Amino acid sequence: MDKKKKNYLLGVAHGVFYFASNGFVDYTTVLPTFLKYLINSNSIIGFVAAISRGGSVFFQLLSAFWLQGRRKKPYLVLSLWVRFLSWVMIAASSFVLLPSHPFAQLIVFVVFISLFSFAGGIATIPFYDIISHNIPSELLGRFWAMRQFLGGVLAVGSGYLVKLILNGYGYPQGYRILFVLAALGFGLTSLSLGLMDEGFEKQKTNKSFGDFIRTAVDILKNDTRLTKLVVVEFLSHSIFMCLPFVAIYTTTKLGMPTSKVGYFVSIQMIGSIASNLFWGYFADRKGPRFIIIATNILAFFVPFLSLFFKTPGLFLIVFFIMGAYIHGTFIGYTNYLLKIAPKHNRPTYVSIRGTFNAISYFLPALGGYIADGFSFNTLFAVVSVLSLIALIVSFRLK
């Protein structure tokens, strides 16, 4: 097998294992319902969801600066194994601390989910470099779609297993099993990406971190395409304010048993699979701007429909749309960024985008405060308005 085909298949395999693993510990369904057993506070649950989703952006600027002119794969491999071991520790602690010590388990969970997420931030820069080196730009749309399609198929199975495990074992044994499965999956994720070849492209090197920051500011001032992109993506991420609370809303307010959240995981993955047939086809034909606008339309309907649906069964529609949105938005914004970023400045472009995303990824914490202080319906209404603004602004992208 030639190197190009090998690297393409390993890149796809990484995505497949990654999405399947995430299905066992999905941050919109499984983790919020697990945390609800540990502490009855939507604000804290929102904060933990924010860390699990957004902690990865903290170190992207420092990572991009430090890795200038260096081999990036060793740092990627180290970060991947830290992420794997973090889930090993979460799984192990659940056998020791639950059900007798829920607060201690919460502390351990926050520590290691933070470590998992922060390591992801270090891995992001070398990940995109290795992908950009090995996957031709004209194949990126199909590459991302293939990863998410096949990963989504396995994640549907993950969702079905979540239903069977939580229905058969409940809390805490069911969650212990899910954490073990997630750890095994992330181990395979680390192995497949670690086997990809590393390319080396000459990139701009700054003498100091201050020089690096000045370069980033200059890029933002001079490249209006990047400026518009990060603004639109930031606005579109307002949907993260409500994503972790849709499942909690159905279980605490609409009376759906926690053991049934596996259905939501499966339908979310089915939405991802079905939409990837669309995203993969149009990403390489219509371009990433088309994908971004389409996903922002979907983003509006997640909170808007949640505002009016009053029976748990109808929320299968919401989670289907959610799955289509999450995977489509990744393809749209990532492809747009990789197409406009010059090779010599690619790490800086990636870190600028990641830094803007840092704030938006912590919106679940704000969503938790709104849900606690007002109501879930108020939260859904606020996010509906912000998502509509994001859709309108996205038409300004070139």
Protein backbone atom coordinates (compact mmCIF):
# COMPACT_ATOMS: atom_id res chain seq x y z
CA MET A 1 0.00 0.00 0.00
CA ASP A 2 1.42 3.41 -0.97
CA LYS A 3 1.91 6.12 1.65
CA LYS A 4 -0.86 8.39 0.41
CA LYS A 5 -3.48 5.66 0.67
CA LYS A 6 -2.14 4.49 4.03
CA ASN A 7 -2.27 7.98 5.52
CA TYR A 8 -5.73 8.61 4.09
CA LEU A 9 -7.06 5.37 5.63
CA LEU A 10 -5.36 6.06 8.99
CA GLY A 11 -6.88 9.54 9.03
CA VAL A 12 -10.30 8.07 8.37
CA ALA A 13 -9.74 5.38 11.02
CA HIS A 14 -8.85 8.06 13.58
CA GLY A 15 -12.15 9.80 12.88
CA VAL A 16 -14.12 6.57 13.04
CA PHE A 17 -12.73 5.60 16.46
CA TYR A 18 -13.03 9.19 17.71
CA PHE A 19 -16.73 9.55 16.92
CA ALA A 20 -17.54 6.05 18.13
CA SER A 21 -15.77 6.76 21.45
CA ASN A 22 -17.56 10.06 21.85
CA GLY A 23 -20.86 8.23 21.47
CA PHE A 24 -20.24 6.45 24.79
CA VAL A 25 -19.60 9.74 26.63
CA ASP A 26 -21.50 12.24 24.52
CA TYR A 27 -21.33 15.74 26.04
CA THR A 28 -24.93 16.58 25.03
CA THR A 29 -26.57 13.47 26.51
CA VAL A 30 -24.53 10.96 28.53
CA LEU A 31 -22.28 13.31 30.51
CA PRO A 32 -25.02 15.79 31.56
CA THR A 33 -27.25 12.99 32.86
CA PHE A 34 -24.28 11.40 34.67
CA LEU A 35 -23.33 14.72 36.29
CA LYS A 36 -26.93 15.20 37.41
CA TYR A 37 -26.42 12.19 39.71
CA LEU A 38 -23.34 13.85 41.21
CA ILE A 39 -24.69 17.37 41.73
CA ASN A 40 -28.08 19.00 41.21
CA SER A 41 -26.88 22.25 39.61
CA ASN A 42 -27.34 23.15 35.93
CA SER A 43 -24.75 25.93 36.32
CA ILE A 44 -22.02 23.51 37.39
CA ILE A 45 -23.08 20.95 34.79
CA GLY A 46 -22.84 23.70 32.16
CA PHE A 47 -19.38 24.62 33.41
CA VAL A 48 -18.16 21.02 33.21
CA ALA A 49 -19.69 20.65 29.74
CA ALA A 50 -17.86 23.82 28.75
CA ILE A 51 -14.54 22.41 29.94
CA SER A 52 -15.08 19.12 28.12
CA ARG A 53 -15.87 20.98 24.92
CA GLY A 54 -13.81 24.15 25.18
CA GLY A 55 -10.74 23.42 27.27
CA SER A 56 -8.94 22.31 24.12
CA VAL A 57 -8.62 25.88 22.87
CA PHE A 58 -6.70 27.20 25.89
CA PHE A 59 -3.23 26.18 24.77
CA GLN A 60 -3.60 26.68 21.02
CA LEU A 61 -1.79 30.05 20.86
CA LEU A 62 1.08 28.81 23.03
CA SER A 63 1.15 25.52 21.15
CA ALA A 64 1.28 27.27 17.77
CA PHE A 65 4.17 29.47 18.97
CA TRP A 66 6.15 26.66 20.61
CA LEU A 67 5.83 24.31 17.63
CA GLN A 68 7.12 26.80 15.04
CA GLY A 69 9.92 25.14 13.08
CA ARG A 70 9.75 21.98 15.23
CA ARG A 71 8.70 18.44 14.49
CA LYS A 72 5.09 18.29 15.55
CA LYS A 73 4.31 14.59 15.64
CA PRO A 74 6.04 13.83 18.99
CA TYR A 75 3.86 16.45 20.69
CA LEU A 76 0.79 15.07 18.95
CA VAL A 77 1.48 11.52 20.11
CA LEU A 78 2.16 12.65 23.70
CA SER A 79 -1.10 14.63 23.78
CA LEU A 80 -3.09 11.73 22.36
CA TRP A 81 -1.89 9.34 25.06
CA VAL A 82 -2.59 11.88 27.80
CA ARG A 83 -6.17 12.02 26.51
CA PHE A 84 -6.41 8.21 26.56
CA LEU A 85 -5.03 7.96 30.12
CA SER A 86 -7.43 10.66 31.30
CA TRP A 87 -10.39 8.43 30.45
CA VAL A 88 -8.62 5.45 32.03
CA MET A 89 -8.44 7.43 35.29
CA ILE A 90 -12.09 8.57 35.04
CA ALA A 91 -13.17 4.95 34.54
CA ALA A 92 -10.96 3.64 37.36
CA SER A 93 -12.12 6.31 39.82
CA SER A 94 -15.78 5.51 39.14
CA PHE A 95 -15.21 1.95 40.42
CA VAL A 96 -13.57 3.27 43.59
CA LEU A 97 -15.69 6.32 44.47
CA LEU A 98 -19.22 5.55 43.32
CA PRO A 99 -21.88 5.50 44.59
CA SER A 100 -20.64 6.44 48.09
CA HIS A 101 -18.59 9.55 47.26
CA PRO A 102 -20.31 11.51 44.47
CA PHE A 103 -18.62 14.84 45.26
CA ALA A 104 -15.16 13.25 45.23
CA GLN A 105 -16.04 11.66 41.88
CA LEU A 106 -17.11 15.07 40.58
CA ILE A 107 -13.72 16.55 41.53
CA VAL A 108 -11.80 13.69 39.92
CA PHE A 109 -13.99 13.91 36.82
CA VAL A 110 -13.43 17.67 36.45
CA VAL A 111 -9.64 17.27 36.86
CA PHE A 112 -9.26 14.55 34.25
CA ILE A 113 -11.83 15.87 31.76
CA SER A 114 -9.88 19.16 31.95
CA LEU A 115 -6.62 17.32 31.30
CA PHE A 116 -8.26 15.46 28.41
CA SER A 117 -9.52 18.71 26.92
CA PHE A 118 -6.33 20.73 27.47
CA ALA A 119 -4.24 18.00 25.80
CA GLY A 120 -6.60 18.29 22.84
CA GLY A 121 -5.58 21.94 22.53
CA ILE A 122 -1.92 20.98 22.26
CA ALA A 123 -2.77 18.29 19.70
CA THR A 124 -4.85 20.56 17.46
CA ILE A 125 -1.97 22.38 15.72
CA PRO A 126 0.04 19.26 14.76
CA PHE A 127 -3.21 17.45 13.86
CA TYR A 128 -4.18 20.01 11.22
CA ASP A 129 -0.60 20.17 9.95
CA ILE A 130 -0.45 16.40 9.45
CA ILE A 131 -3.89 16.33 7.81
CA SER A 132 -3.05 19.25 5.50
CA HIS A 133 0.21 17.57 4.49
CA ASN A 134 -1.35 14.18 3.73
CA ILE A 135 -4.79 15.06 2.33
CA PRO A 136 -5.03 17.14 -0.89
CA SER A 137 -7.27 20.23 -0.52
CA GLU A 138 -9.62 19.02 -3.26
CA LEU A 139 -10.31 15.85 -1.24
CA LEU A 140 -10.78 17.48 2.17
CA GLY A 141 -14.57 17.62 1.94
CA ARG A 142 -14.85 13.93 1.14
CA PHE A 143 -12.18 13.05 3.71
CA TRP A 144 -14.00 14.76 6.61
CA ALA A 145 -17.34 13.39 5.44
CA MET A 146 -15.94 9.84 5.20
CA ARG A 147 -14.56 10.05 8.75
CA GLN A 148 -17.83 11.31 10.12
CA PHE A 149 -20.02 8.96 8.06
CA LEU A 150 -18.22 5.78 9.13
CA GLY A 151 -17.68 7.10 12.65
CA GLY A 152 -21.35 7.99 12.81
CA VAL A 153 -22.34 4.44 11.84
CA LEU A 154 -20.32 3.08 14.77
CA ALA A 155 -21.63 5.87 17.02
CA VAL A 156 -25.21 4.78 16.27
CA GLY A 157 -24.15 1.41 17.65
CA SER A 158 -22.57 3.25 20.60
CA GLY A 159 -25.90 4.96 21.25
CA TYR A 160 -27.73 1.65 21.15
CA LEU A 161 -25.22 0.20 23.60
CA VAL A 162 -25.70 3.26 25.84
CA LYS A 163 -29.42 2.50 25.93
CA LEU A 164 -28.86 -1.20 26.68
CA ILE A 165 -26.20 -0.56 29.31
CA LEU A 166 -28.03 2.21 31.17
CA ASN A 167 -31.31 0.32 30.95
CA GLY A 168 -29.72 -2.90 32.21
CA TYR A 169 -27.31 -1.55 34.82
CA GLY A 170 -28.39 2.01 35.61
CA TYR A 171 -26.30 4.27 37.85
CA PRO A 172 -23.44 3.86 38.69
CA GLN A 173 -22.51 0.53 37.06
CA GLY A 174 -23.82 1.53 33.64
CA TYR A 175 -21.71 4.67 33.53
CA ARG A 176 -18.63 2.75 34.69
CA ILE A 177 -19.00 0.43 31.69
CA LEU A 178 -19.44 3.38 29.32
CA PHE A 179 -16.28 5.05 30.65
CA VAL A 180 -14.28 1.83 30.12
CA LEU A 181 -15.56 1.56 26.53
CA ALA A 182 -14.69 5.22 25.91
CA ALA A 183 -11.14 4.67 27.24
CA LEU A 184 -10.63 1.70 24.91
CA GLY A 185 -11.96 3.71 21.96
CA PHE A 186 -9.71 6.69 22.64
CA GLY A 187 -6.76 4.30 22.85
CA LEU A 188 -7.49 3.13 19.28
CA THR A 189 -7.95 6.76 18.26
CA SER A 190 -4.49 7.62 19.55
CA LEU A 191 -2.90 4.60 17.86
CA SER A 192 -4.36 5.26 14.39
CA LEU A 193 -3.44 8.95 14.24
CA GLY A 194 -0.01 8.28 15.73
CA LEU A 195 0.80 5.96 12.81
CA MET A 196 0.27 8.69 10.17
CA ASP A 197 3.38 10.09 8.47
CA GLU A 198 4.57 13.55 9.39
CA GLY A 199 5.36 16.02 6.64
CA PHE A 200 7.46 19.12 7.09
CA GLU A 201 6.71 22.47 5.51
CA LYS A 202 8.74 25.61 6.12
CA GLN A 203 6.68 27.91 8.30
CA LYS A 204 7.26 31.40 9.64
CA THR A 205 9.20 31.47 12.93
CA ASN A 206 8.77 34.32 15.41
CA LYS A 207 11.56 35.26 17.83
CA SER A 208 9.30 35.73 20.85
CA PHE A 209 5.73 35.09 21.95
CA GLY A 210 5.10 38.86 21.78
CA ASP A 211 6.27 38.80 18.15
CA PHE A 212 3.93 35.88 17.53
CA ILE A 213 0.96 37.76 19.02
CA ARG A 214 1.76 40.84 16.91
CA THR A 215 1.83 38.63 13.81
CA ALA A 216 -1.58 37.19 14.75
CA VAL A 217 -3.04 40.68 15.26
CA ASP A 218 -1.64 41.83 11.92
CA ILE A 219 -3.22 38.83 10.19
CA LEU A 220 -6.59 39.64 11.74
CA LYS A 221 -6.31 43.26 10.60
CA ASN A 222 -5.23 42.47 7.05
CA ASP A 223 -7.11 39.28 6.18
CA THR A 224 -10.80 40.20 6.25
CA ARG A 225 -11.74 36.66 5.22
CA LEU A 226 -10.35 35.29 8.47
CA THR A 227 -11.88 38.10 10.53
CA LYS A 228 -15.35 37.47 9.11
CA LEU A 229 -14.94 33.72 9.54
CA VAL A 230 -14.11 33.86 13.26
CA VAL A 231 -16.93 36.35 13.93
CA VAL A 232 -19.52 34.19 12.15
CA GLU A 233 -18.30 31.02 13.87
CA PHE A 234 -18.37 32.72 17.27
CA LEU A 235 -21.98 33.79 16.74
CA SER A 236 -23.01 30.37 15.46
CA HIS A 237 -21.58 28.77 18.60
CA SER A 238 -24.29 30.46 20.66
CA ILE A 239 -26.10 27.13 20.19
CA PHE A 240 -23.63 25.61 22.68
CA MET A 241 -25.49 27.49 25.42
CA CYS A 242 -28.34 25.00 25.22
CA LEU A 243 -26.89 21.75 23.78
CA PRO A 244 -26.05 20.07 27.13
CA PHE A 245 -29.46 20.97 28.58
CA VAL A 246 -31.83 19.57 25.97
CA ALA A 247 -31.44 16.02 27.34
CA ILE A 248 -31.70 17.27 30.94
CA TYR A 249 -34.87 19.18 30.00
CA THR A 250 -36.50 16.01 28.66
CA THR A 251 -35.57 13.94 31.73
CA THR A 252 -36.30 16.50 34.47
CA LYS A 253 -39.25 18.43 33.00
CA LEU A 254 -40.88 16.07 30.51
CA GLY A 255 -40.52 12.85 32.51
CA MET A 256 -38.35 10.79 30.17
CA PRO A 257 -36.32 8.05 31.99
CA THR A 258 -32.54 8.59 32.01
CA SER A 259 -32.07 5.06 30.66
CA LYS A 260 -33.62 6.22 27.36
CA VAL A 261 -30.98 8.87 26.52
CA GLY A 262 -29.27 6.26 24.35
CA TYR A 263 -32.03 6.83 21.80
CA PHE A 264 -30.94 10.47 21.57
CA VAL A 265 -27.30 9.44 21.05
CA SER A 266 -28.32 7.08 18.23
CA ILE A 267 -30.63 9.53 16.48
CA GLN A 268 -28.00 12.26 16.77
CA MET A 269 -25.50 9.97 15.04
CA ILE A 270 -28.09 9.03 12.39
CA GLY A 271 -28.51 12.74 11.74
CA SER A 272 -24.77 12.99 11.32
CA ILE A 273 -24.62 10.04 8.92
CA ALA A 274 -27.56 11.18 6.80
CA SER A 275 -26.28 14.76 6.60
CA ASN A 276 -22.74 13.68 5.70
CA LEU A 277 -24.05 12.33 2.41
CA PHE A 278 -25.09 15.94 1.82
CA TRP A 279 -22.03 17.66 3.36
CA GLY A 280 -19.52 15.47 1.54
CA TYR A 281 -21.17 16.01 -1.85
CA PHE A 282 -21.62 19.77 -1.61
CA ALA A 283 -18.42 20.64 0.30
CA ASP A 284 -16.27 19.95 -2.77
CA ARG A 285 -18.81 21.38 -5.25
CA LYS A 286 -20.48 24.37 -3.60
CA GLY A 287 -17.63 25.27 -1.23
CA PRO A 288 -17.45 25.76 2.54
CA ARG A 289 -19.52 29.01 2.57
CA PHE A 290 -22.57 27.05 1.41
CA ILE A 291 -22.02 24.47 4.19
CA ILE A 292 -21.66 27.20 6.84
CA ILE A 293 -24.95 28.86 5.85
CA ALA A 294 -26.76 25.50 5.75
CA THR A 295 -25.52 24.53 9.22
CA ASN A 296 -26.53 27.90 10.65
CA ILE A 297 -30.08 27.25 9.43
CA LEU A 298 -30.02 23.95 11.34
CA ALA A 299 -28.57 25.69 14.42
CA PHE A 300 -31.60 27.96 14.59
CA PHE A 301 -34.07 25.07 14.59
CA VAL A 302 -32.46 23.22 17.55
CA PRO A 303 -33.48 25.79 20.23
CA PHE A 304 -36.54 26.99 18.30
CA LEU A 305 -38.15 23.54 18.16
CA SER A 306 -37.08 22.79 21.75
CA LEU A 307 -39.08 25.83 22.80
CA PHE A 308 -42.34 24.36 21.47
CA PHE A 309 -41.97 20.56 21.78
CA LYS A 310 -43.57 19.18 24.95
CA THR A 311 -43.27 15.41 24.52
CA PRO A 312 -39.94 13.51 24.69
CA GLY A 313 -40.58 11.65 21.42
CA LEU A 314 -40.57 14.86 19.41
CA PHE A 315 -37.07 15.62 20.64
CA LEU A 316 -35.79 12.85 18.39
CA ILE A 317 -36.20 15.47 15.63
CA VAL A 318 -34.14 17.97 17.64
CA PHE A 319 -31.30 15.50 18.18
CA PHE A 320 -31.35 14.48 14.52
CA ILE A 321 -30.87 18.14 13.55
CA MET A 322 -28.24 18.51 16.27
CA GLY A 323 -26.19 15.68 14.78
CA ALA A 324 -26.39 17.17 11.30
CA TYR A 325 -25.35 20.59 12.65
CA ILE A 326 -22.37 19.45 14.75
CA HIS A 327 -20.70 17.54 11.93
CA GLY A 328 -21.64 19.96 9.16
CA THR A 329 -20.27 22.97 11.02
CA PHE A 330 -16.93 21.20 11.52
CA ILE A 331 -16.61 20.52 7.79
CA GLY A 332 -17.71 24.03 6.79
CA TYR A 333 -15.52 26.13 9.07
CA THR A 334 -12.49 23.81 8.96
CA ASN A 335 -12.42 23.68 5.16
CA TYR A 336 -12.91 27.44 4.89
CA LEU A 337 -9.97 28.01 7.24
CA LEU A 338 -7.62 25.54 5.53
CA LYS A 339 -8.42 27.04 2.12
CA ILE A 340 -7.66 30.64 3.12
CA ALA A 341 -4.65 29.96 5.37
CA PRO A 342 -1.21 30.30 3.68
CA LYS A 343 1.00 27.28 4.40
CA HIS A 344 3.72 29.32 6.12
CA ASN A 345 1.18 30.82 8.55
CA ARG A 346 -1.25 27.91 8.95
CA PRO A 347 -0.53 27.26 12.68
CA THR A 348 -1.18 30.94 13.42
CA TYR A 349 -4.49 30.88 11.51
CA VAL A 350 -5.58 27.72 13.35
CA SER A 351 -4.66 29.21 16.74
CA ILE A 352 -6.48 32.49 16.00
CA ARG A 353 -9.64 30.57 15.20
CA GLY A 354 -9.20 28.43 18.30
CA THR A 355 -8.71 31.45 20.53
CA PHE A 356 -11.97 33.02 19.36
CA ASN A 357 -13.69 29.70 19.91
CA ALA A 358 -12.38 29.64 23.49
CA ILE A 359 -15.04 32.07 24.70
CA SER A 360 -17.87 30.48 22.75
CA TYR A 361 -17.09 27.00 24.06
CA PHE A 362 -17.77 28.26 27.59
CA LEU A 363 -21.28 29.38 26.73
CA PRO A 364 -22.79 26.22 28.31
CA ALA A 365 -21.83 27.69 31.69
CA LEU A 366 -23.90 30.79 30.86
CA GLY A 367 -26.69 28.52 29.61
CA GLY A 368 -26.71 26.73 32.96
CA TYR A 369 -27.08 30.02 34.83
CA ILE A 370 -30.01 31.02 32.60
CA ALA A 371 -31.70 27.63 33.09
CA ASP A 372 -31.25 27.84 36.90
CA GLY A 373 -32.10 31.52 37.27
CA PHE A 374 -34.99 31.70 34.80
CA SER A 375 -36.15 28.60 32.92
CA PHE A 376 -35.26 26.19 30.14
CA ASN A 377 -37.72 27.98 27.84
CA THR A 378 -35.94 31.30 28.46
CA LEU A 379 -32.66 29.61 27.54
CA PHE A 380 -34.12 28.19 24.32
CA ALA A 381 -35.60 31.60 23.38
CA VAL A 382 -32.30 33.45 23.91
CA VAL A 383 -30.36 30.91 21.85
CA SER A 384 -32.98 31.06 19.06
CA VAL A 385 -32.44 34.80 18.69
CA LEU A 386 -28.64 34.53 18.71
CA SER A 387 -28.70 31.67 16.19
CA LEU A 388 -30.86 33.73 13.85
CA ILE A 389 -28.33 36.58 14.03
CA ALA A 390 -25.53 34.11 13.21
CA LEU A 391 -27.44 32.93 10.13
CA ILE A 392 -27.93 36.48 8.87
CA VAL A 393 -24.27 37.40 9.40
CA SER A 394 -23.01 34.23 7.67
CA PHE A 395 -24.27 35.54 4.31
CA ARG A 396 -21.47 38.14 4.48
CA LEU A 397 -18.80 35.46 3.99
CA LYS A 398 -17.21 35.50 0.54
